[in-house]
N, C-alpha and C. Protein backbone atom coordinates (compact mmCIF):
# COMPACT_ATOMS: atom_id res chain seq x y z
N MET A 1 20.88 -14.65 28.20
CA MET A 1 20.34 -13.30 28.09
C MET A 1 21.28 -12.42 27.28
N THR A 2 20.70 -11.40 26.71
CA THR A 2 21.45 -10.50 25.86
C THR A 2 22.53 -9.76 26.64
N THR A 3 23.62 -9.47 25.96
CA THR A 3 24.66 -8.64 26.55
C THR A 3 24.57 -7.22 26.00
N LEU A 4 23.63 -7.00 25.07
CA LEU A 4 23.45 -5.67 24.51
C LEU A 4 22.87 -4.74 25.57
N LYS A 5 23.29 -3.48 25.52
CA LYS A 5 22.78 -2.52 26.49
C LYS A 5 22.51 -1.18 25.82
N VAL A 6 21.80 -0.32 26.52
CA VAL A 6 21.48 1.01 26.02
C VAL A 6 22.78 1.70 25.60
N GLY A 7 22.76 2.31 24.42
CA GLY A 7 23.94 3.00 23.89
C GLY A 7 24.71 2.18 22.88
N ASP A 8 24.49 0.86 22.86
CA ASP A 8 25.16 -0.01 21.88
C ASP A 8 24.51 0.18 20.51
N SER A 9 25.28 -0.10 19.47
CA SER A 9 24.72 -0.14 18.12
C SER A 9 23.88 -1.41 18.00
N ALA A 10 22.73 -1.29 17.38
CA ALA A 10 21.88 -2.46 17.15
C ALA A 10 22.57 -3.37 16.12
N PRO A 11 22.54 -4.67 16.35
CA PRO A 11 23.11 -5.58 15.35
C PRO A 11 22.34 -5.46 14.02
N ASN A 12 23.08 -5.53 12.93
CA ASN A 12 22.42 -5.50 11.64
C ASN A 12 21.64 -6.80 11.48
N PHE A 13 20.50 -6.74 10.85
CA PHE A 13 19.72 -7.96 10.64
C PHE A 13 18.97 -7.87 9.33
N SER A 14 18.57 -9.03 8.87
CA SER A 14 17.74 -9.13 7.67
C SER A 14 16.97 -10.43 7.79
N ALA A 15 15.64 -10.35 7.63
CA ALA A 15 14.80 -11.55 7.75
C ALA A 15 13.50 -11.30 7.00
N ILE A 16 12.81 -12.40 6.68
CA ILE A 16 11.53 -12.28 5.99
C ILE A 16 10.38 -12.27 6.99
N ASP A 17 9.30 -11.59 6.59
CA ASP A 17 8.12 -11.56 7.43
C ASP A 17 7.12 -12.62 6.99
N GLU A 18 5.93 -12.55 7.59
CA GLU A 18 4.89 -13.56 7.34
C GLU A 18 4.44 -13.60 5.88
N SER A 19 4.71 -12.54 5.12
CA SER A 19 4.31 -12.49 3.71
C SER A 19 5.46 -12.70 2.74
N GLY A 20 6.66 -12.97 3.29
CA GLY A 20 7.83 -13.18 2.44
C GLY A 20 8.59 -11.91 2.11
N ASN A 21 8.20 -10.78 2.71
CA ASN A 21 8.91 -9.51 2.49
C ASN A 21 10.13 -9.46 3.39
N ASN A 22 11.23 -8.93 2.84
CA ASN A 22 12.47 -8.83 3.61
C ASN A 22 12.50 -7.52 4.40
N HIS A 23 12.99 -7.59 5.63
CA HIS A 23 13.16 -6.41 6.47
C HIS A 23 14.57 -6.42 7.02
N SER A 24 15.24 -5.26 6.96
CA SER A 24 16.61 -5.11 7.47
C SER A 24 16.67 -3.90 8.37
N LEU A 25 17.67 -3.85 9.21
CA LEU A 25 17.87 -2.69 10.08
C LEU A 25 17.99 -1.43 9.22
N SER A 26 18.66 -1.53 8.09
CA SER A 26 18.88 -0.36 7.23
C SER A 26 17.56 0.23 6.71
N ASP A 27 16.50 -0.57 6.63
CA ASP A 27 15.19 -0.07 6.19
C ASP A 27 14.65 0.99 7.15
N PHE A 28 15.16 1.00 8.37
CA PHE A 28 14.60 1.87 9.41
C PHE A 28 15.53 3.03 9.76
N LYS A 29 16.54 3.27 8.93
CA LYS A 29 17.44 4.40 9.16
C LYS A 29 16.61 5.67 9.14
N GLY A 30 16.79 6.51 10.15
CA GLY A 30 16.01 7.74 10.24
C GLY A 30 14.66 7.55 10.92
N LYS A 31 14.37 6.31 11.36
CA LYS A 31 13.11 6.02 12.04
C LYS A 31 13.43 5.34 13.38
N LYS A 32 12.46 5.40 14.29
CA LYS A 32 12.60 4.68 15.55
C LYS A 32 11.92 3.33 15.38
N LEU A 33 12.57 2.28 15.86
CA LEU A 33 12.07 0.92 15.68
C LEU A 33 11.92 0.21 17.01
N ILE A 34 10.75 -0.39 17.21
CA ILE A 34 10.51 -1.29 18.34
C ILE A 34 10.65 -2.70 17.77
N LEU A 35 11.67 -3.42 18.22
CA LEU A 35 11.92 -4.79 17.78
C LEU A 35 11.62 -5.69 18.97
N PHE A 36 10.46 -6.36 18.92
CA PHE A 36 10.09 -7.17 20.08
C PHE A 36 10.19 -8.65 19.73
N PHE A 37 10.90 -9.38 20.61
CA PHE A 37 11.10 -10.82 20.45
C PHE A 37 10.18 -11.54 21.40
N TYR A 38 9.49 -12.55 20.89
CA TYR A 38 8.56 -13.31 21.72
C TYR A 38 8.78 -14.80 21.46
N PRO A 39 8.52 -15.64 22.47
CA PRO A 39 8.84 -17.08 22.36
C PRO A 39 8.05 -17.84 21.30
N LYS A 40 6.72 -17.65 21.23
CA LYS A 40 5.94 -18.49 20.30
C LYS A 40 4.61 -17.83 19.97
N ALA A 41 4.34 -17.73 18.67
CA ALA A 41 3.09 -17.14 18.20
C ALA A 41 1.88 -17.88 18.78
N SER A 42 0.86 -17.13 19.08
CA SER A 42 -0.44 -17.64 19.53
C SER A 42 -0.45 -18.25 20.93
N THR A 43 0.61 -18.06 21.70
CA THR A 43 0.58 -18.49 23.11
C THR A 43 0.06 -17.31 23.93
N PRO A 44 -0.47 -17.56 25.13
CA PRO A 44 -1.14 -16.48 25.88
C PRO A 44 -0.30 -15.22 26.10
N GLY A 45 0.92 -15.36 26.62
CA GLY A 45 1.75 -14.19 26.90
C GLY A 45 2.12 -13.43 25.63
N CYS A 46 2.44 -14.16 24.59
CA CYS A 46 2.84 -13.54 23.32
C CYS A 46 1.65 -12.83 22.68
N THR A 47 0.48 -13.44 22.80
CA THR A 47 -0.74 -12.82 22.27
C THR A 47 -1.04 -11.53 23.03
N ASN A 48 -0.95 -11.56 24.37
CA ASN A 48 -1.19 -10.36 25.18
C ASN A 48 -0.23 -9.24 24.78
N GLU A 49 1.04 -9.59 24.63
CA GLU A 49 2.06 -8.58 24.30
C GLU A 49 1.79 -7.96 22.94
N ALA A 50 1.60 -8.79 21.93
CA ALA A 50 1.38 -8.28 20.57
C ALA A 50 0.07 -7.50 20.46
N CYS A 51 -0.97 -7.96 21.16
CA CYS A 51 -2.26 -7.25 21.13
C CYS A 51 -2.14 -5.89 21.83
N ASN A 52 -1.35 -5.82 22.89
CA ASN A 52 -1.15 -4.54 23.57
C ASN A 52 -0.45 -3.55 22.64
N LEU A 53 0.54 -4.02 21.89
CA LEU A 53 1.21 -3.14 20.93
C LEU A 53 0.25 -2.75 19.81
N ARG A 54 -0.57 -3.70 19.37
CA ARG A 54 -1.58 -3.40 18.34
C ARG A 54 -2.55 -2.33 18.83
N ASP A 55 -3.03 -2.51 20.05
CA ASP A 55 -4.03 -1.58 20.59
C ASP A 55 -3.47 -0.17 20.80
N ASN A 56 -2.16 -0.06 20.93
CA ASN A 56 -1.50 1.24 21.12
C ASN A 56 -0.70 1.66 19.89
N TYR A 57 -0.93 0.99 18.78
CA TYR A 57 -0.15 1.21 17.56
C TYR A 57 -0.24 2.66 17.08
N LYS A 58 -1.42 3.21 17.09
CA LYS A 58 -1.61 4.58 16.60
C LYS A 58 -0.77 5.56 17.42
N GLU A 59 -0.83 5.43 18.73
CA GLU A 59 -0.05 6.31 19.61
C GLU A 59 1.45 6.10 19.40
N LEU A 60 1.88 4.85 19.26
CA LEU A 60 3.29 4.57 19.01
C LEU A 60 3.74 5.20 17.69
N GLN A 61 2.90 5.08 16.66
CA GLN A 61 3.23 5.68 15.37
C GLN A 61 3.29 7.20 15.46
N GLU A 62 2.38 7.78 16.22
CA GLU A 62 2.38 9.24 16.40
C GLU A 62 3.68 9.71 17.06
N LYS A 63 4.28 8.84 17.87
CA LYS A 63 5.56 9.16 18.52
C LYS A 63 6.75 8.79 17.61
N GLY A 64 6.45 8.31 16.40
CA GLY A 64 7.50 8.04 15.42
C GLY A 64 8.04 6.62 15.40
N TYR A 65 7.37 5.70 16.07
CA TYR A 65 7.86 4.32 16.14
C TYR A 65 7.30 3.44 15.02
N GLU A 66 8.16 2.59 14.48
CA GLU A 66 7.77 1.47 13.64
C GLU A 66 7.91 0.23 14.52
N ILE A 67 7.21 -0.85 14.18
CA ILE A 67 7.25 -2.07 15.01
C ILE A 67 7.51 -3.29 14.14
N LEU A 68 8.38 -4.17 14.65
CA LEU A 68 8.59 -5.50 14.07
C LEU A 68 8.55 -6.51 15.21
N GLY A 69 7.78 -7.57 15.03
CA GLY A 69 7.79 -8.69 15.97
C GLY A 69 8.68 -9.78 15.42
N VAL A 70 9.34 -10.54 16.29
CA VAL A 70 10.25 -11.60 15.85
C VAL A 70 10.10 -12.83 16.73
N SER A 71 9.96 -13.98 16.09
CA SER A 71 10.04 -15.26 16.80
C SER A 71 10.62 -16.29 15.82
N ALA A 72 10.84 -17.48 16.31
CA ALA A 72 11.41 -18.55 15.47
C ALA A 72 10.31 -19.33 14.76
N ASP A 73 9.08 -18.82 14.77
CA ASP A 73 7.97 -19.50 14.11
C ASP A 73 8.11 -19.40 12.59
N SER A 74 7.45 -20.31 11.90
CA SER A 74 7.44 -20.31 10.43
C SER A 74 6.63 -19.12 9.92
N ALA A 75 6.84 -18.76 8.67
CA ALA A 75 6.08 -17.67 8.05
C ALA A 75 4.58 -17.98 8.09
N LYS A 76 4.21 -19.24 7.89
CA LYS A 76 2.80 -19.63 7.91
C LYS A 76 2.20 -19.41 9.29
N ARG A 77 2.92 -19.82 10.33
CA ARG A 77 2.41 -19.63 11.70
C ARG A 77 2.32 -18.13 12.04
N GLN A 78 3.33 -17.36 11.60
CA GLN A 78 3.30 -15.92 11.83
C GLN A 78 2.11 -15.29 11.11
N SER A 79 1.86 -15.74 9.89
CA SER A 79 0.76 -15.21 9.09
C SER A 79 -0.58 -15.49 9.78
N ASN A 80 -0.75 -16.71 10.27
CA ASN A 80 -1.98 -17.07 10.98
C ASN A 80 -2.17 -16.20 12.22
N PHE A 81 -1.07 -15.99 12.97
CA PHE A 81 -1.09 -15.17 14.19
C PHE A 81 -1.47 -13.73 13.83
N LYS A 82 -0.82 -13.18 12.82
CA LYS A 82 -1.08 -11.80 12.41
C LYS A 82 -2.53 -11.62 11.94
N ASN A 83 -3.00 -12.54 11.12
CA ASN A 83 -4.35 -12.43 10.57
C ASN A 83 -5.42 -12.60 11.65
N LYS A 84 -5.20 -13.55 12.56
CA LYS A 84 -6.19 -13.81 13.61
C LYS A 84 -6.41 -12.59 14.49
N TYR A 85 -5.31 -11.89 14.82
CA TYR A 85 -5.39 -10.75 15.74
C TYR A 85 -5.27 -9.40 15.04
N GLU A 86 -5.21 -9.42 13.71
CA GLU A 86 -5.18 -8.19 12.89
C GLU A 86 -4.07 -7.23 13.31
N PHE A 87 -2.86 -7.75 13.40
CA PHE A 87 -1.72 -6.90 13.74
C PHE A 87 -1.37 -6.00 12.55
N PRO A 88 -1.14 -4.71 12.79
CA PRO A 88 -0.81 -3.79 11.70
C PRO A 88 0.69 -3.74 11.39
N PHE A 89 1.48 -4.57 12.06
CA PHE A 89 2.93 -4.57 11.87
C PHE A 89 3.40 -5.95 11.43
N PRO A 90 4.55 -6.00 10.73
CA PRO A 90 5.09 -7.29 10.27
C PRO A 90 5.61 -8.15 11.42
N LEU A 91 5.56 -9.47 11.20
CA LEU A 91 6.13 -10.44 12.14
C LEU A 91 7.20 -11.23 11.39
N LEU A 92 8.44 -11.13 11.87
CA LEU A 92 9.54 -11.82 11.21
C LEU A 92 9.55 -13.30 11.59
N ALA A 93 9.74 -14.13 10.58
CA ALA A 93 9.82 -15.58 10.75
C ALA A 93 11.30 -15.96 10.76
N ASP A 94 11.90 -15.97 11.94
CA ASP A 94 13.34 -16.19 12.09
C ASP A 94 13.62 -17.65 12.44
N GLU A 95 13.22 -18.55 11.54
CA GLU A 95 13.36 -19.99 11.83
C GLU A 95 14.80 -20.42 12.02
N GLU A 96 15.73 -19.76 11.34
CA GLU A 96 17.15 -20.11 11.48
C GLU A 96 17.79 -19.41 12.69
N LYS A 97 17.00 -18.59 13.37
CA LYS A 97 17.43 -17.87 14.58
C LYS A 97 18.61 -16.93 14.33
N GLU A 98 18.72 -16.39 13.13
CA GLU A 98 19.83 -15.46 12.83
C GLU A 98 19.66 -14.13 13.56
N VAL A 99 18.45 -13.58 13.53
CA VAL A 99 18.19 -12.30 14.22
C VAL A 99 18.20 -12.55 15.73
N ILE A 100 17.57 -13.63 16.14
CA ILE A 100 17.50 -14.00 17.56
C ILE A 100 18.91 -14.13 18.15
N ASN A 101 19.80 -14.81 17.44
CA ASN A 101 21.18 -14.97 17.93
C ASN A 101 21.96 -13.66 17.85
N ALA A 102 21.71 -12.85 16.82
CA ALA A 102 22.41 -11.57 16.70
C ALA A 102 22.13 -10.68 17.91
N PHE A 103 20.90 -10.77 18.43
CA PHE A 103 20.53 -9.95 19.59
C PHE A 103 20.77 -10.69 20.91
N GLY A 104 21.23 -11.94 20.83
CA GLY A 104 21.65 -12.68 22.02
C GLY A 104 20.54 -13.04 22.99
N ILE A 105 19.37 -13.39 22.45
CA ILE A 105 18.25 -13.67 23.36
C ILE A 105 17.83 -15.14 23.36
N TRP A 106 18.63 -16.01 22.76
CA TRP A 106 18.37 -17.45 22.81
C TRP A 106 19.20 -18.03 23.93
N GLY A 107 18.57 -18.84 24.79
CA GLY A 107 19.35 -19.43 25.86
C GLY A 107 18.49 -20.26 26.78
N PRO A 108 19.09 -20.77 27.85
CA PRO A 108 18.39 -21.65 28.78
C PRO A 108 17.26 -20.93 29.51
N LYS A 109 16.14 -21.63 29.62
CA LYS A 109 14.96 -21.13 30.33
C LYS A 109 14.43 -22.24 31.22
N LYS A 110 13.61 -21.85 32.19
CA LYS A 110 12.96 -22.82 33.06
C LYS A 110 11.46 -22.57 33.04
N PHE A 111 10.70 -23.64 32.93
CA PHE A 111 9.24 -23.53 32.99
C PHE A 111 8.72 -24.78 33.65
N MET A 112 7.99 -24.59 34.73
CA MET A 112 7.41 -25.71 35.49
C MET A 112 8.45 -26.78 35.82
N GLY A 113 9.62 -26.32 36.25
CA GLY A 113 10.66 -27.23 36.69
C GLY A 113 11.49 -27.85 35.58
N LYS A 114 11.13 -27.61 34.32
CA LYS A 114 11.90 -28.17 33.21
C LYS A 114 12.80 -27.09 32.62
N GLU A 115 14.02 -27.51 32.26
CA GLU A 115 14.94 -26.58 31.62
C GLU A 115 15.00 -26.88 30.14
N TYR A 116 15.05 -25.83 29.34
CA TYR A 116 15.12 -25.98 27.89
C TYR A 116 15.68 -24.69 27.30
N ASP A 117 16.09 -24.73 26.04
CA ASP A 117 16.57 -23.53 25.37
C ASP A 117 15.41 -22.87 24.64
N GLY A 118 15.37 -21.56 24.70
CA GLY A 118 14.30 -20.83 24.03
C GLY A 118 14.60 -19.35 23.95
N ILE A 119 13.62 -18.61 23.44
CA ILE A 119 13.74 -17.17 23.28
C ILE A 119 13.39 -16.49 24.60
N HIS A 120 14.25 -15.59 25.04
CA HIS A 120 13.96 -14.77 26.20
C HIS A 120 13.18 -13.55 25.71
N ARG A 121 11.96 -13.39 26.18
CA ARG A 121 11.10 -12.27 25.76
C ARG A 121 11.83 -10.96 26.06
N THR A 122 12.18 -10.24 25.01
CA THR A 122 12.97 -9.02 25.14
C THR A 122 12.54 -8.04 24.05
N THR A 123 12.54 -6.76 24.38
CA THR A 123 12.24 -5.73 23.40
C THR A 123 13.40 -4.75 23.33
N PHE A 124 13.78 -4.41 22.10
CA PHE A 124 14.82 -3.44 21.84
C PHE A 124 14.19 -2.24 21.15
N VAL A 125 14.42 -1.05 21.70
CA VAL A 125 13.96 0.17 21.05
C VAL A 125 15.20 0.82 20.45
N ILE A 126 15.18 0.94 19.12
CA ILE A 126 16.34 1.40 18.35
C ILE A 126 16.03 2.80 17.82
N ASN A 127 16.96 3.73 18.02
CA ASN A 127 16.70 5.09 17.58
C ASN A 127 17.01 5.28 16.08
N GLU A 128 16.84 6.50 15.61
CA GLU A 128 16.98 6.82 14.19
C GLU A 128 18.39 6.54 13.65
N ASN A 129 19.36 6.48 14.55
CA ASN A 129 20.76 6.25 14.14
C ASN A 129 21.22 4.82 14.37
N GLY A 130 20.29 3.92 14.69
CA GLY A 130 20.64 2.51 14.87
C GLY A 130 21.22 2.19 16.24
N ILE A 131 21.03 3.09 17.20
CA ILE A 131 21.55 2.90 18.56
C ILE A 131 20.40 2.45 19.48
N LEU A 132 20.71 1.55 20.40
CA LEU A 132 19.70 1.05 21.34
C LEU A 132 19.36 2.13 22.38
N ASP A 133 18.10 2.56 22.39
CA ASP A 133 17.63 3.53 23.38
C ASP A 133 17.06 2.82 24.60
N GLN A 134 16.49 1.63 24.38
CA GLN A 134 15.94 0.84 25.49
C GLN A 134 16.19 -0.64 25.23
N VAL A 135 16.46 -1.37 26.30
CA VAL A 135 16.51 -2.83 26.26
C VAL A 135 15.62 -3.29 27.41
N ILE A 136 14.45 -3.84 27.04
CA ILE A 136 13.46 -4.23 28.05
C ILE A 136 13.49 -5.75 28.19
N THR A 137 13.98 -6.23 29.32
CA THR A 137 14.07 -7.67 29.55
C THR A 137 12.93 -8.18 30.44
N LYS A 138 12.33 -7.29 31.21
CA LYS A 138 11.19 -7.66 32.04
C LYS A 138 9.92 -7.08 31.41
N VAL A 139 9.49 -7.72 30.34
CA VAL A 139 8.35 -7.25 29.57
C VAL A 139 7.05 -7.50 30.33
N LYS A 140 6.24 -6.46 30.44
CA LYS A 140 4.88 -6.60 30.99
C LYS A 140 3.97 -6.81 29.79
N THR A 141 3.58 -8.06 29.57
CA THR A 141 2.87 -8.40 28.33
C THR A 141 1.56 -7.64 28.14
N LYS A 142 0.86 -7.33 29.23
CA LYS A 142 -0.43 -6.66 29.11
C LYS A 142 -0.31 -5.14 29.13
N ASP A 143 0.90 -4.63 29.32
CA ASP A 143 1.09 -3.18 29.42
C ASP A 143 2.42 -2.77 28.77
N HIS A 144 2.75 -3.44 27.67
CA HIS A 144 4.06 -3.26 27.08
C HIS A 144 4.25 -1.89 26.43
N ALA A 145 3.23 -1.39 25.75
CA ALA A 145 3.35 -0.09 25.10
C ALA A 145 3.69 1.00 26.12
N ALA A 146 3.07 0.93 27.29
CA ALA A 146 3.34 1.91 28.35
C ALA A 146 4.80 1.82 28.80
N GLN A 147 5.35 0.61 28.88
CA GLN A 147 6.75 0.45 29.24
C GLN A 147 7.65 1.21 28.26
N ILE A 148 7.31 1.13 27.00
CA ILE A 148 8.11 1.77 25.96
C ILE A 148 7.91 3.30 26.01
N LEU A 149 6.67 3.73 26.06
CA LEU A 149 6.35 5.15 26.00
C LEU A 149 6.76 5.92 27.25
N ASN A 150 6.74 5.27 28.40
CA ASN A 150 7.02 5.97 29.66
C ASN A 150 8.47 5.91 30.09
N ASN A 151 9.32 5.45 29.22
CA ASN A 151 10.73 5.35 29.58
C ASN A 151 11.46 6.62 29.23
């Protein structure tokens, strides 16, 4: 699990999205950024989470938020996920896990009695100055936008 906490500077990052466009922390200077990490595109929990952010995108934008999704999926898989559900925000294809490791969310997990390494579903809300305003480790996939907005 991440050791980052509210008040810490967000780690600098740079990665490509589903269309091959590069995104860096510096692109969001002066803006609020929701950086949500999810285990795998097109799985039920990840779909619920991303669709909830999509469905509340207008309200999040009105509050000044930009959104980036991140997983270790390939750009092609991210593109398919984005197109299928019509997400209005980029999805970073972090196959080398550089952003994932920078935020410290790769580690041991348990599912149905099996242990394996994977992405811990975590959302970081970064303010206009690159400081973490929220670190959400217990993501409610079907009500995630409310978690962000009501904090």
